[in-house]
Amino acid sequence: MISKKVTIKNPTGLHLRPAGLFCKMALEYESKITFHYRDTEGNAKSVLSVLGACIKSGDTIEIVCEGKDEEKALEAMVELVESGIGE
């Protein structure tokens, strides 16, 4: 299991479109991918879980990957968030 904290950079936070891109990226990997935000843990492969967390611009989340391809998965998820998730 590996993890990394990242700050949400896109100005609108994880609303529907970026949440969808976040989940789409997570679904490309076999590993279990979760995120921790404040006192909650969410499934990065579930749009409802991501939207329900109400993550705003400037918030810090921890992405946690566990499985065969955890290193590649974490690298891709962190890169996506740091790039602004397409915005």
PDB file of N, CA and C in Angstrom:
ATOM      1  N   MET A   1       0.851  -1.181   0.000  1.00  0.00           N
ATOM      2  CA  MET A   1       0.000   0.000   0.000  1.00  0.00           C
ATOM      3  C   MET A   1       0.895   1.241   0.000  1.00  0.00           C
ATOM      4  N   ILE A   2       0.589   2.158  -0.898  1.00  0.00           N
ATOM      5  CA  ILE A   2       1.320   3.416  -0.967  1.00  0.00           C
ATOM      6  C   ILE A   2       0.318   4.558  -1.050  1.00  0.00           C
ATOM      7  N   SER A   3       0.755   5.751  -0.629  1.00  0.00           N
ATOM      8  CA  SER A   3      -0.150   6.894  -0.663  1.00  0.00           C
ATOM      9  C   SER A   3       0.636   8.187  -0.839  1.00  0.00           C
ATOM     10  N   LYS A   4      -0.097   9.221  -1.213  1.00  0.00           N
ATOM     11  CA  LYS A   4       0.503  10.543  -1.358  1.00  0.00           C
ATOM     12  C   LYS A   4      -0.583  11.589  -1.189  1.00  0.00           C
ATOM     13  N   LYS A   5      -0.222  12.701  -0.540  1.00  0.00           N
ATOM     14  CA  LYS A   5      -1.154  13.819  -0.379  1.00  0.00           C
ATOM     15  C   LYS A   5      -0.962  14.789  -1.534  1.00  0.00           C
ATOM     16  N   VAL A   6      -2.088  15.260  -2.061  1.00  0.00           N
ATOM     17  CA  VAL A   6      -2.072  16.234  -3.153  1.00  0.00           C
ATOM     18  C   VAL A   6      -3.121  17.307  -2.892  1.00  0.00           C
ATOM     19  N   THR A   7      -2.877  18.482  -3.436  1.00  0.00           N
ATOM     20  CA  THR A   7      -3.819  19.592  -3.289  1.00  0.00           C
ATOM     21  C   THR A   7      -4.579  19.772  -4.593  1.00  0.00           C
ATOM     22  N   ILE A   8      -5.884  19.936  -4.473  1.00  0.00           N
ATOM     23  CA  ILE A   8      -6.743  20.145  -5.647  1.00  0.00           C
ATOM     24  C   ILE A   8      -6.473  21.539  -6.195  1.00  0.00           C
ATOM     25  N   LYS A   9      -6.061  21.611  -7.461  1.00  0.00           N
ATOM     26  CA  LYS A   9      -5.665  22.885  -8.062  1.00  0.00           C
ATOM     27  C   LYS A   9      -6.738  23.496  -8.959  1.00  0.00           C
ATOM     28  N   ASN A  10      -7.595  22.661  -9.537  1.00  0.00           N
ATOM     29  CA  ASN A  10      -8.567  23.248 -10.468  1.00  0.00           C
ATOM     30  C   ASN A  10      -9.532  24.149  -9.697  1.00  0.00           C
ATOM     31  N   PRO A  11      -9.914  25.281 -10.288  1.00  0.00           N
ATOM     32  CA  PRO A  11     -10.673  26.315  -9.574  1.00  0.00           C
ATOM     33  C   PRO A  11     -12.045  25.889  -9.065  1.00  0.00           C
ATOM     34  N   THR A  12     -12.641  24.878  -9.643  1.00  0.00           N
ATOM     35  CA  THR A  12     -13.996  24.491  -9.233  1.00  0.00           C
ATOM     36  C   THR A  12     -14.024  23.257  -8.340  1.00  0.00           C
ATOM     37  N   GLY A  13     -12.858  22.732  -7.980  1.00  0.00           N
ATOM     38  CA  GLY A  13     -12.833  21.536  -7.142  1.00  0.00           C
ATOM     39  C   GLY A  13     -13.267  20.305  -7.929  1.00  0.00           C
ATOM     40  N   LEU A  14     -13.687  19.272  -7.207  1.00  0.00           N
ATOM     41  CA  LEU A  14     -14.091  18.024  -7.875  1.00  0.00           C
ATOM     42  C   LEU A  14     -15.605  17.997  -8.092  1.00  0.00           C
ATOM     43  N   HIS A  15     -16.075  18.859  -8.986  1.00  0.00           N
ATOM     44  CA  HIS A  15     -17.486  18.817  -9.388  1.00  0.00           C
ATOM     45  C   HIS A  15     -17.641  17.713 -10.429  1.00  0.00           C
ATOM     46  N   LEU A  16     -18.767  17.606 -11.072  1.00  0.00           N
ATOM     47  CA  LEU A  16     -19.103  16.446 -11.892  1.00  0.00           C
ATOM     48  C   LEU A  16     -18.073  16.080 -12.967  1.00  0.00           C
ATOM     49  N   ARG A  17     -17.666  17.021 -13.805  1.00  0.00           N
ATOM     50  CA  ARG A  17     -16.748  16.666 -14.889  1.00  0.00           C
ATOM     51  C   ARG A  17     -15.381  16.211 -14.369  1.00  0.00           C
ATOM     52  N   PRO A  18     -14.711  16.981 -13.498  1.00  0.00           N
ATOM     53  CA  PRO A  18     -13.427  16.487 -12.996  1.00  0.00           C
ATOM     54  C   PRO A  18     -13.561  15.227 -12.136  1.00  0.00           C
ATOM     55  N   ALA A  19     -14.661  15.092 -11.429  1.00  0.00           N
ATOM     56  CA  ALA A  19     -14.880  13.869 -10.638  1.00  0.00           C
ATOM     57  C   ALA A  19     -14.982  12.666 -11.569  1.00  0.00           C
ATOM     58  N   GLY A  20     -15.633  12.856 -12.705  1.00  0.00           N
ATOM     59  CA  GLY A  20     -15.750  11.782 -13.697  1.00  0.00           C
ATOM     60  C   GLY A  20     -14.394  11.394 -14.265  1.00  0.00           C
ATOM     61  N   LEU A  21     -13.550  12.393 -14.541  1.00  0.00           N
ATOM     62  CA  LEU A  21     -12.207  12.120 -15.058  1.00  0.00           C
ATOM     63  C   LEU A  21     -11.348  11.425 -13.998  1.00  0.00           C
ATOM     64  N   PHE A  22     -11.497  11.844 -12.758  1.00  0.00           N
ATOM     65  CA  PHE A  22     -10.771  11.245 -11.630  1.00  0.00           C
ATOM     66  C   PHE A  22     -11.135   9.761 -11.519  1.00  0.00           C
ATOM     67  N   CYS A  23     -12.433   9.466 -11.585  1.00  0.00           N
ATOM     68  CA  CYS A  23     -12.906   8.077 -11.486  1.00  0.00           C
ATOM     69  C   CYS A  23     -12.492   7.260 -12.706  1.00  0.00           C
ATOM     70  N   LYS A  24     -12.581   7.863 -13.878  1.00  0.00           N
ATOM     71  CA  LYS A  24     -12.201   7.162 -15.104  1.00  0.00           C
ATOM     72  C   LYS A  24     -10.744   6.723 -15.040  1.00  0.00           C
ATOM     73  N   MET A  25      -9.883   7.602 -14.541  1.00  0.00           N
ATOM     74  CA  MET A  25      -8.466   7.263 -14.398  1.00  0.00           C
ATOM     75  C   MET A  25      -8.301   6.115 -13.399  1.00  0.00           C
ATOM     76  N   ALA A  26      -8.995   6.184 -12.278  1.00  0.00           N
ATOM     77  CA  ALA A  26      -8.886   5.145 -11.243  1.00  0.00           C
ATOM     78  C   ALA A  26      -9.343   3.789 -11.777  1.00  0.00           C
ATOM     79  N   LEU A  27     -10.367   3.783 -12.615  1.00  0.00           N
ATOM     80  CA  LEU A  27     -10.906   2.539 -13.154  1.00  0.00           C
ATOM     81  C   LEU A  27      -9.943   1.840 -14.122  1.00  0.00           C
ATOM     82  N   GLU A  28      -8.926   2.550 -14.585  1.00  0.00           N
ATOM     83  CA  GLU A  28      -7.957   1.959 -15.506  1.00  0.00           C
ATOM     84  C   GLU A  28      -6.976   1.014 -14.804  1.00  0.00           C
ATOM     85  N   TYR A  29      -7.013   0.991 -13.477  1.00  0.00           N
ATOM     86  CA  TYR A  29      -6.053   0.195 -12.714  1.00  0.00           C
ATOM     87  C   TYR A  29      -6.752  -0.879 -11.888  1.00  0.00           C
ATOM     88  N   GLU A  30      -6.059  -2.004 -11.712  1.00  0.00           N
ATOM     89  CA  GLU A  30      -6.601  -3.113 -10.929  1.00  0.00           C
ATOM     90  C   GLU A  30      -6.591  -2.805  -9.434  1.00  0.00           C
ATOM     91  N   SER A  31      -5.653  -2.015  -9.010  1.00  0.00           N
ATOM     92  CA  SER A  31      -5.483  -1.721  -7.587  1.00  0.00           C
ATOM     93  C   SER A  31      -6.733  -1.088  -6.983  1.00  0.00           C
ATOM     94  N   LYS A  32      -6.880  -1.313  -5.689  1.00  0.00           N
ATOM     95  CA  LYS A  32      -7.917  -0.614  -4.930  1.00  0.00           C
ATOM     96  C   LYS A  32      -7.397   0.807  -4.739  1.00  0.00           C
ATOM     97  N   ILE A  33      -8.191   1.787  -5.146  1.00  0.00           N
ATOM     98  CA  ILE A  33      -7.775   3.182  -5.036  1.00  0.00           C
ATOM     99  C   ILE A  33      -8.819   3.930  -4.206  1.00  0.00           C
ATOM    100  N   THR A  34      -8.361   4.494  -3.104  1.00  0.00           N
ATOM    101  CA  THR A  34      -9.250   5.266  -2.240  1.00  0.00           C
ATOM    102  C   THR A  34      -8.645   6.646  -2.030  1.00  0.00           C
ATOM    103  N   PHE A  35      -9.452   7.534  -1.472  1.00  0.00           N
ATOM    104  CA  PHE A  35      -8.938   8.855  -1.107  1.00  0.00           C
ATOM    105  C   PHE A  35      -9.420   9.176   0.299  1.00  0.00           C
ATOM    106  N   HIS A  36      -8.588   9.896   1.016  1.00  0.00           N
ATOM    107  CA  HIS A  36      -8.945  10.342   2.361  1.00  0.00           C
ATOM    108  C   HIS A  36      -9.057  11.860   2.317  1.00  0.00           C
ATOM    109  N   TYR A  37     -10.174  12.365   2.810  1.00  0.00           N
ATOM    110  CA  TYR A  37     -10.404  13.803   2.858  1.00  0.00           C
ATOM    111  C   TYR A  37     -11.083  14.106   4.186  1.00  0.00           C
ATOM    112  N   ARG A  38     -10.442  14.954   4.961  1.00  0.00           N
ATOM    113  CA  ARG A  38     -10.889  15.233   6.329  1.00  0.00           C
ATOM    114  C   ARG A  38     -11.018  13.921   7.086  1.00  0.00           C
ATOM    115  N   ASP A  39     -12.194  13.589   7.591  1.00  0.00           N
ATOM    116  CA  ASP A  39     -12.371  12.360   8.366  1.00  0.00           C
ATOM    117  C   ASP A  39     -13.030  11.245   7.565  1.00  0.00           C
ATOM    118  N   THR A  40     -13.070  11.394   6.246  1.00  0.00           N
ATOM    119  CA  THR A  40     -13.762  10.388   5.447  1.00  0.00           C
ATOM    120  C   THR A  40     -12.807   9.663   4.501  1.00  0.00           C
ATOM    121  N   GLU A  41     -13.202   8.467   4.130  1.00  0.00           N
ATOM    122  CA  GLU A  41     -12.477   7.690   3.126  1.00  0.00           C
ATOM    123  C   GLU A  41     -13.474   7.405   2.013  1.00  0.00           C
ATOM    124  N   GLY A  42     -13.049   7.603   0.774  1.00  0.00           N
ATOM    125  CA  GLY A  42     -13.947   7.362  -0.343  1.00  0.00           C
ATOM    126  C   GLY A  42     -13.306   6.467  -1.389  1.00  0.00           C
ATOM    127  N   ASN A  43     -14.158   5.861  -2.193  1.00  0.00           N
ATOM    128  CA  ASN A  43     -13.724   5.007  -3.293  1.00  0.00           C
ATOM    129  C   ASN A  43     -13.469   5.897  -4.510  1.00  0.00           C
ATOM    130  N   ALA A  44     -12.222   5.933  -4.976  1.00  0.00           N
ATOM    131  CA  ALA A  44     -11.871   6.781  -6.113  1.00  0.00           C
ATOM    132  C   ALA A  44     -12.488   6.297  -7.416  1.00  0.00           C
ATOM    133  N   LYS A  45     -13.032   5.084  -7.418  1.00  0.00           N
ATOM    134  CA  LYS A  45     -13.653   4.537  -8.628  1.00  0.00           C
ATOM    135  C   LYS A  45     -15.154   4.791  -8.670  1.00  0.00           C
ATOM    136  N   SER A  46     -15.669   5.535  -7.689  1.00  0.00           N
ATOM    137  CA  SER A  46     -17.100   5.832  -7.604  1.00  0.00           C
ATOM    138  C   SER A  46     -17.337   7.337  -7.713  1.00  0.00           C
ATOM    139  N   VAL A  47     -18.024   7.751  -8.775  1.00  0.00           N
ATOM    140  CA  VAL A  47     -18.322   9.170  -8.955  1.00  0.00           C
ATOM    141  C   VAL A  47     -19.138   9.696  -7.774  1.00  0.00           C
ATOM    142  N   LEU A  48     -20.090   8.924  -7.298  1.00  0.00           N
ATOM    143  CA  LEU A  48     -20.908   9.373  -6.171  1.00  0.00           C
ATOM    144  C   LEU A  48     -20.074   9.569  -4.916  1.00  0.00           C
ATOM    145  N   SER A  49     -19.111   8.709  -4.699  1.00  0.00           N
ATOM    146  CA  SER A  49     -18.225   8.832  -3.541  1.00  0.00           C
ATOM    147  C   SER A  49     -17.386  10.106  -3.644  1.00  0.00           C
ATOM    148  N   VAL A  50     -16.867  10.387  -4.816  1.00  0.00           N
ATOM    149  CA  VAL A  50     -16.045  11.582  -5.024  1.00  0.00           C
ATOM    150  C   VAL A  50     -16.903  12.841  -4.887  1.00  0.00           C
ATOM    151  N   LEU A  51     -18.055  12.863  -5.530  1.00  0.00           N
ATOM    152  CA  LEU A  51     -18.934  14.037  -5.443  1.00  0.00           C
ATOM    153  C   LEU A  51     -19.425  14.261  -4.014  1.00  0.00           C
ATOM    154  N   GLY A  52     -19.727  13.173  -3.324  1.00  0.00           N
ATOM    155  CA  GLY A  52     -20.244  13.257  -1.956  1.00  0.00           C
ATOM    156  C   GLY A  52     -19.259  13.835  -0.960  1.00  0.00           C
ATOM    157  N   ALA A  53     -17.978  13.788  -1.292  1.00  0.00           N
ATOM    158  CA  ALA A  53     -16.955  14.318  -0.390  1.00  0.00           C
ATOM    159  C   ALA A  53     -16.885  15.850  -0.427  1.00  0.00           C
ATOM    160  N   CYS A  54     -17.485  16.461  -1.452  1.00  0.00           N
ATOM    161  CA  CYS A  54     -17.517  17.928  -1.596  1.00  0.00           C
ATOM    162  C   CYS A  54     -16.125  18.549  -1.513  1.00  0.00           C
ATOM    163  N   ILE A  55     -15.221  18.052  -2.323  1.00  0.00           N
ATOM    164  CA  ILE A  55     -13.834  18.524  -2.317  1.00  0.00           C
ATOM    165  C   ILE A  55     -13.730  19.789  -3.162  1.00  0.00           C
ATOM    166  N   LYS A  56     -13.205  20.846  -2.553  1.00  0.00           N
ATOM    167  CA  LYS A  56     -13.114  22.159  -3.196  1.00  0.00           C
ATOM    168  C   LYS A  56     -11.677  22.456  -3.619  1.00  0.00           C
ATOM    169  N   SER A  57     -11.525  23.488  -4.419  1.00  0.00           N
ATOM    170  CA  SER A  57     -10.206  23.942  -4.823  1.00  0.00           C
ATOM    171  C   SER A  57      -9.402  24.331  -3.589  1.00  0.00           C
ATOM    172  N   GLY A  58      -8.146  23.915  -3.544  1.00  0.00           N
ATOM    173  CA  GLY A  58      -7.286  24.218  -2.407  1.00  0.00           C
ATOM    174  C   GLY A  58      -7.305  23.169  -1.314  1.00  0.00           C
ATOM    175  N   ASP A  59      -8.271  22.242  -1.359  1.00  0.00           N
ATOM    176  CA  ASP A  59      -8.339  21.169  -0.369  1.00  0.00           C
ATOM    177  C   ASP A  59      -7.244  20.141  -0.649  1.00  0.00           C
ATOM    178  N   THR A  60      -6.758  19.508   0.411  1.00  0.00           N
ATOM    179  CA  THR A  60      -5.747  18.465   0.277  1.00  0.00           C
ATOM    180  C   THR A  60      -6.388  17.110   0.528  1.00  0.00           C
ATOM    181  N   ILE A  61      -6.127  16.167  -0.376  1.00  0.00           N
ATOM    182  CA  ILE A  61      -6.613  14.800  -0.209  1.00  0.00           C
ATOM    183  C   ILE A  61      -5.410  13.861  -0.214  1.00  0.00           C
ATOM    184  N   GLU A  62      -5.591  12.695   0.350  1.00  0.00           N
ATOM    185  CA  GLU A  62      -4.561  11.663   0.295  1.00  0.00           C
ATOM    186  C   GLU A  62      -5.083  10.552  -0.596  1.00  0.00           C
ATOM    187  N   ILE A  63      -4.336  10.221  -1.631  1.00  0.00           N
ATOM    188  CA  ILE A  63      -4.711   9.132  -2.531  1.00  0.00           C
ATOM    189  C   ILE A  63      -3.955   7.887  -2.081  1.00  0.00           C
ATOM    190  N   VAL A  64      -4.694   6.791  -1.890  1.00  0.00           N
ATOM    191  CA  VAL A  64      -4.117   5.544  -1.401  1.00  0.00           C
ATOM    192  C   VAL A  64      -4.360   4.447  -2.429  1.00  0.00           C
ATOM    193  N   CYS A  65      -3.299   3.760  -2.823  1.00  0.00           N
ATOM    194  CA  CYS A  65      -3.398   2.677  -3.801  1.00  0.00           C
ATOM    195  C   CYS A  65      -2.842   1.394  -3.195  1.00  0.00           C
ATOM    196  N   GLU A  66      -3.559   0.296  -3.449  1.00  0.00           N
ATOM    197  CA  GLU A  66      -3.138  -0.992  -2.926  1.00  0.00           C
ATOM    198  C   GLU A  66      -3.426  -2.077  -3.954  1.00  0.00           C
ATOM    199  N   GLY A  67      -2.378  -2.749  -4.434  1.00  0.00           N
ATOM    200  CA  GLY A  67      -2.564  -3.818  -5.403  1.00  0.00           C
ATOM    201  C   GLY A  67      -1.364  -3.978  -6.314  1.00  0.00           C
ATOM    202  N   LYS A  68      -1.555  -4.820  -7.345  1.00  0.00           N
ATOM    203  CA  LYS A  68      -0.474  -5.157  -8.280  1.00  0.00           C
ATOM    204  C   LYS A  68       0.172  -3.941  -8.941  1.00  0.00           C
ATOM    205  N   ASP A  69      -0.661  -3.015  -9.395  1.00  0.00           N
ATOM    206  CA  ASP A  69      -0.165  -1.862 -10.152  1.00  0.00           C
ATOM    207  C   ASP A  69      -0.241  -0.564  -9.346  1.00  0.00           C
ATOM    208  N   GLU A  70      -0.084  -0.679  -8.019  1.00  0.00           N
ATOM    209  CA  GLU A  70      -0.267   0.473  -7.137  1.00  0.00           C
ATOM    210  C   GLU A  70       0.663   1.646  -7.461  1.00  0.00           C
ATOM    211  N   GLU A  71       1.909   1.370  -7.819  1.00  0.00           N
ATOM    212  CA  GLU A  71       2.845   2.461  -8.107  1.00  0.00           C
ATOM    213  C   GLU A  71       2.430   3.239  -9.347  1.00  0.00           C
ATOM    214  N   LYS A  72       2.073   2.527 -10.407  1.00  0.00           N
ATOM    215  CA  LYS A  72       1.618   3.189 -11.638  1.00  0.00           C
ATOM    216  C   LYS A  72       0.314   3.941 -11.394  1.00  0.00           C
ATOM    217  N   ALA A  73      -0.578   3.335 -10.629  1.00  0.00           N
ATOM    218  CA  ALA A  73      -1.868   3.953 -10.334  1.00  0.00           C
ATOM    219  C   ALA A  73      -1.682   5.245  -9.549  1.00  0.00           C
ATOM    220  N   LEU A  74      -0.862   5.203  -8.517  1.00  0.00           N
ATOM    221  CA  LEU A  74      -0.645   6.401  -7.702  1.00  0.00           C
ATOM    222  C   LEU A  74       0.000   7.503  -8.531  1.00  0.00           C
ATOM    223  N   GLU A  75       0.985   7.142  -9.317  1.00  0.00           N
ATOM    224  CA  GLU A  75       1.666   8.124 -10.164  1.00  0.00           C
ATOM    225  C   GLU A  75       0.669   8.806 -11.109  1.00  0.00           C
ATOM    226  N   ALA A  76      -0.195   8.026 -11.742  1.00  0.00           N
ATOM    227  CA  ALA A  76      -1.172   8.575 -12.688  1.00  0.00           C
ATOM    228  C   ALA A  76      -2.211   9.446 -11.991  1.00  0.00           C
ATOM    229  N   MET A  77      -2.682   9.003 -10.829  1.00  0.00           N
ATOM    230  CA  MET A  77      -3.707   9.769 -10.100  1.00  0.00           C
ATOM    231  C   MET A  77      -3.141  11.100  -9.606  1.00  0.00           C
ATOM    232  N   VAL A  78      -1.935  11.073  -9.078  1.00  0.00           N
ATOM    233  CA  VAL A  78      -1.297  12.302  -8.599  1.00  0.00           C
ATOM    234  C   VAL A  78      -1.046  13.257  -9.759  1.00  0.00           C
ATOM    235  N   GLU A  79      -0.556  12.728 -10.866  1.00  0.00           N
ATOM    236  CA  GLU A  79      -0.300  13.556 -12.046  1.00  0.00           C
ATOM    237  C   GLU A  79      -1.595  14.208 -12.539  1.00  0.00           C
ATOM    238  N   LEU A  80      -2.682  13.453 -12.541  1.00  0.00           N
ATOM    239  CA  LEU A  80      -3.975  13.994 -12.972  1.00  0.00           C
ATOM    240  C   LEU A  80      -4.400  15.161 -12.092  1.00  0.00           C
ATOM    241  N   VAL A  81      -4.325  14.981 -10.781  1.00  0.00           N
ATOM    242  CA  VAL A  81      -4.732  16.038  -9.857  1.00  0.00           C
ATOM    243  C   VAL A  81      -3.810  17.259  -9.987  1.00  0.00           C
ATOM    244  N   GLU A  82      -2.514  17.013 -10.051  1.00  0.00           N
ATOM    245  CA  GLU A  82      -1.565  18.137 -10.138  1.00  0.00           C
ATOM    246  C   GLU A  82      -1.667  18.906 -11.460  1.00  0.00           C
ATOM    247  N   SER A  83      -2.199  18.251 -12.495  1.00  0.00           N
ATOM    248  CA  SER A  83      -2.370  18.922 -13.788  1.00  0.00           C
ATOM    249  C   SER A  83      -3.656  19.749 -13.840  1.00  0.00           C
ATOM    250  N   GLY A  84      -4.474  19.690 -12.787  1.00  0.00           N
ATOM    251  CA  GLY A  84      -5.716  20.468 -12.760  1.00  0.00           C
ATOM    252  C   GLY A  84      -6.920  19.692 -13.259  1.00  0.00           C
ATOM    253  N   ILE A  85      -6.800  18.421 -13.480  1.00  0.00           N
ATOM    254  CA  ILE A  85      -7.885  17.541 -13.923  1.00  0.00           C
ATOM    255  C   ILE A  85      -8.616  18.109 -15.134  1.00  0.00           C
ATOM    256  N   GLY A  86      -7.829  18.542 -16.101  1.00  0.00           N
ATOM    257  CA  GLY A  86      -8.408  18.988 -17.366  1.00  0.00           C
ATOM    258  C   GLY A  86      -9.011  20.364 -17.370  1.00  0.00           C
ATOM    259  N   GLU A  87      -8.799  21.132 -16.322  1.00  0.00           N
ATOM    260  CA  GLU A  87      -9.360  22.497 -16.303  1.00  0.00           C
ATOM    261  C   GLU A  87      -8.279  23.542 -16.255  1.00  0.00           C
TER     262      GLU A  87
END
